[in-house]
Amino acid sequence: MKININDENNIVIFLNKENIKKMDFEDKEQLEIYFRELFNTLNSDYNIKVSG
């Protein structure tokens, strides 16, 4: 994963291709769980708060 912080309101997150090729993008519940865990990690490790 790579994070580019453009400014206070604009952050681009590049996901690892190996991780997302295993994901089923049709399963919205699994995607929600994955991204919730990802954003919680960003919050705890990098103090990046995600809203929206």
N, C-alpha and C. Protein backbone atom coordinates (compact mmCIF):
# COMPACT_ATOMS: atom_id res chain seq x y z
N MET A 1 0.85 -1.16 0.00
CA MET A 1 0.00 0.00 0.00
C MET A 1 0.89 1.22 0.00
N LYS A 2 0.49 2.23 -0.75
CA LYS A 2 1.22 3.49 -0.81
C LYS A 2 0.21 4.60 -0.56
N ILE A 3 0.62 5.61 0.19
CA ILE A 3 -0.25 6.73 0.51
C ILE A 3 0.39 8.01 0.03
N ASN A 4 -0.33 8.77 -0.78
CA ASN A 4 0.09 10.11 -1.19
C ASN A 4 -0.83 11.11 -0.53
N ILE A 5 -0.26 12.00 0.25
CA ILE A 5 -1.05 13.04 0.89
C ILE A 5 -0.84 14.32 0.10
N ASN A 6 -1.86 14.72 -0.65
CA ASN A 6 -1.77 15.92 -1.47
C ASN A 6 -1.94 17.18 -0.63
N ASP A 7 -2.91 17.17 0.23
CA ASP A 7 -3.12 18.25 1.19
C ASP A 7 -4.02 17.71 2.29
N GLU A 8 -4.47 18.59 3.15
CA GLU A 8 -5.27 18.17 4.31
C GLU A 8 -6.54 17.41 3.93
N ASN A 9 -7.11 17.72 2.78
CA ASN A 9 -8.39 17.12 2.39
C ASN A 9 -8.29 16.10 1.25
N ASN A 10 -7.08 15.88 0.73
CA ASN A 10 -6.95 14.99 -0.43
C ASN A 10 -5.83 13.98 -0.21
N ILE A 11 -6.23 12.73 -0.06
CA ILE A 11 -5.29 11.64 0.15
C ILE A 11 -5.60 10.56 -0.89
N VAL A 12 -4.55 10.06 -1.56
CA VAL A 12 -4.71 8.99 -2.52
C VAL A 12 -4.07 7.74 -1.93
N ILE A 13 -4.83 6.65 -1.91
CA ILE A 13 -4.33 5.38 -1.37
C ILE A 13 -4.23 4.39 -2.53
N PHE A 14 -3.02 3.89 -2.75
CA PHE A 14 -2.79 2.87 -3.77
C PHE A 14 -2.77 1.52 -3.06
N LEU A 15 -3.64 0.62 -3.49
CA LEU A 15 -3.74 -0.69 -2.86
C LEU A 15 -2.81 -1.68 -3.55
N ASN A 16 -2.32 -2.63 -2.79
CA ASN A 16 -1.44 -3.67 -3.30
C ASN A 16 -2.22 -4.59 -4.23
N LYS A 17 -1.73 -4.75 -5.43
CA LYS A 17 -2.41 -5.57 -6.44
C LYS A 17 -2.60 -7.01 -5.98
N GLU A 18 -1.63 -7.54 -5.27
CA GLU A 18 -1.74 -8.93 -4.78
C GLU A 18 -2.89 -9.08 -3.79
N ASN A 19 -3.14 -8.06 -2.98
CA ASN A 19 -4.23 -8.14 -2.01
C ASN A 19 -5.59 -8.01 -2.67
N ILE A 20 -5.73 -7.10 -3.61
CA ILE A 20 -7.06 -6.87 -4.17
C ILE A 20 -7.45 -7.89 -5.23
N LYS A 21 -6.49 -8.61 -5.82
CA LYS A 21 -6.90 -9.59 -6.83
C LYS A 21 -7.62 -10.78 -6.20
N LYS A 22 -7.47 -10.96 -4.89
CA LYS A 22 -8.16 -12.02 -4.18
C LYS A 22 -9.56 -11.61 -3.74
N MET A 23 -9.88 -10.33 -3.88
CA MET A 23 -11.15 -9.81 -3.37
C MET A 23 -12.27 -10.01 -4.38
N ASP A 24 -13.45 -10.26 -3.85
CA ASP A 24 -14.65 -10.37 -4.66
C ASP A 24 -15.36 -9.02 -4.60
N PHE A 25 -15.26 -8.24 -5.67
CA PHE A 25 -15.83 -6.90 -5.67
C PHE A 25 -17.36 -6.91 -5.78
N GLU A 26 -17.94 -8.07 -5.99
CA GLU A 26 -19.39 -8.20 -6.01
C GLU A 26 -19.94 -8.33 -4.59
N ASP A 27 -19.12 -8.78 -3.67
CA ASP A 27 -19.53 -8.98 -2.28
C ASP A 27 -19.32 -7.68 -1.50
N LYS A 28 -20.34 -6.85 -1.46
CA LYS A 28 -20.24 -5.53 -0.84
C LYS A 28 -19.94 -5.61 0.65
N GLU A 29 -20.45 -6.62 1.32
CA GLU A 29 -20.22 -6.77 2.75
C GLU A 29 -18.73 -7.01 3.04
N GLN A 30 -18.10 -7.89 2.25
CA GLN A 30 -16.68 -8.16 2.43
C GLN A 30 -15.84 -6.92 2.12
N LEU A 31 -16.22 -6.18 1.08
CA LEU A 31 -15.51 -4.94 0.75
C LEU A 31 -15.60 -3.93 1.89
N GLU A 32 -16.79 -3.81 2.46
CA GLU A 32 -16.99 -2.89 3.58
C GLU A 32 -16.09 -3.27 4.76
N ILE A 33 -16.01 -4.55 5.06
CA ILE A 33 -15.16 -5.01 6.16
C ILE A 33 -13.69 -4.71 5.86
N TYR A 34 -13.26 -5.01 4.63
CA TYR A 34 -11.87 -4.78 4.24
C TYR A 34 -11.50 -3.31 4.39
N PHE A 35 -12.33 -2.42 3.83
CA PHE A 35 -12.00 -1.00 3.87
C PHE A 35 -12.15 -0.41 5.27
N ARG A 36 -13.07 -0.91 6.06
CA ARG A 36 -13.19 -0.46 7.45
C ARG A 36 -11.90 -0.78 8.21
N GLU A 37 -11.40 -2.01 8.04
CA GLU A 37 -10.15 -2.40 8.69
C GLU A 37 -8.97 -1.57 8.17
N LEU A 38 -8.94 -1.33 6.87
CA LEU A 38 -7.88 -0.53 6.28
C LEU A 38 -7.89 0.89 6.84
N PHE A 39 -9.07 1.51 6.89
CA PHE A 39 -9.15 2.89 7.38
C PHE A 39 -8.89 2.97 8.88
N ASN A 40 -9.27 1.94 9.62
CA ASN A 40 -8.94 1.91 11.05
C ASN A 40 -7.43 1.82 11.26
N THR A 41 -6.76 1.04 10.41
CA THR A 41 -5.30 0.94 10.48
C THR A 41 -4.65 2.28 10.14
N LEU A 42 -5.15 2.95 9.11
CA LEU A 42 -4.62 4.27 8.76
C LEU A 42 -4.79 5.24 9.91
N ASN A 43 -5.92 5.16 10.57
CA ASN A 43 -6.19 6.04 11.71
C ASN A 43 -5.24 5.74 12.86
N SER A 44 -5.07 4.49 13.20
CA SER A 44 -4.24 4.14 14.36
C SER A 44 -2.75 4.28 14.09
N ASP A 45 -2.29 3.90 12.89
CA ASP A 45 -0.85 3.93 12.59
C ASP A 45 -0.36 5.29 12.12
N TYR A 46 -1.19 6.01 11.37
CA TYR A 46 -0.75 7.26 10.76
C TYR A 46 -1.54 8.48 11.23
N ASN A 47 -2.49 8.27 12.11
CA ASN A 47 -3.36 9.34 12.60
C ASN A 47 -4.09 10.04 11.44
N ILE A 48 -4.49 9.26 10.44
CA ILE A 48 -5.26 9.77 9.31
C ILE A 48 -6.72 9.43 9.57
N LYS A 49 -7.54 10.43 9.70
CA LYS A 49 -8.96 10.23 9.95
C LYS A 49 -9.70 10.28 8.61
N VAL A 50 -10.51 9.28 8.34
CA VAL A 50 -11.26 9.20 7.10
C VAL A 50 -12.73 9.42 7.42
N SER A 51 -13.37 10.30 6.66
CA SER A 51 -14.80 10.53 6.85
C SER A 51 -15.47 10.55 5.49
N GLY A 52 -16.75 10.25 5.49
CA GLY A 52 -17.47 10.31 4.23
C GLY A 52 -18.09 8.99 3.88
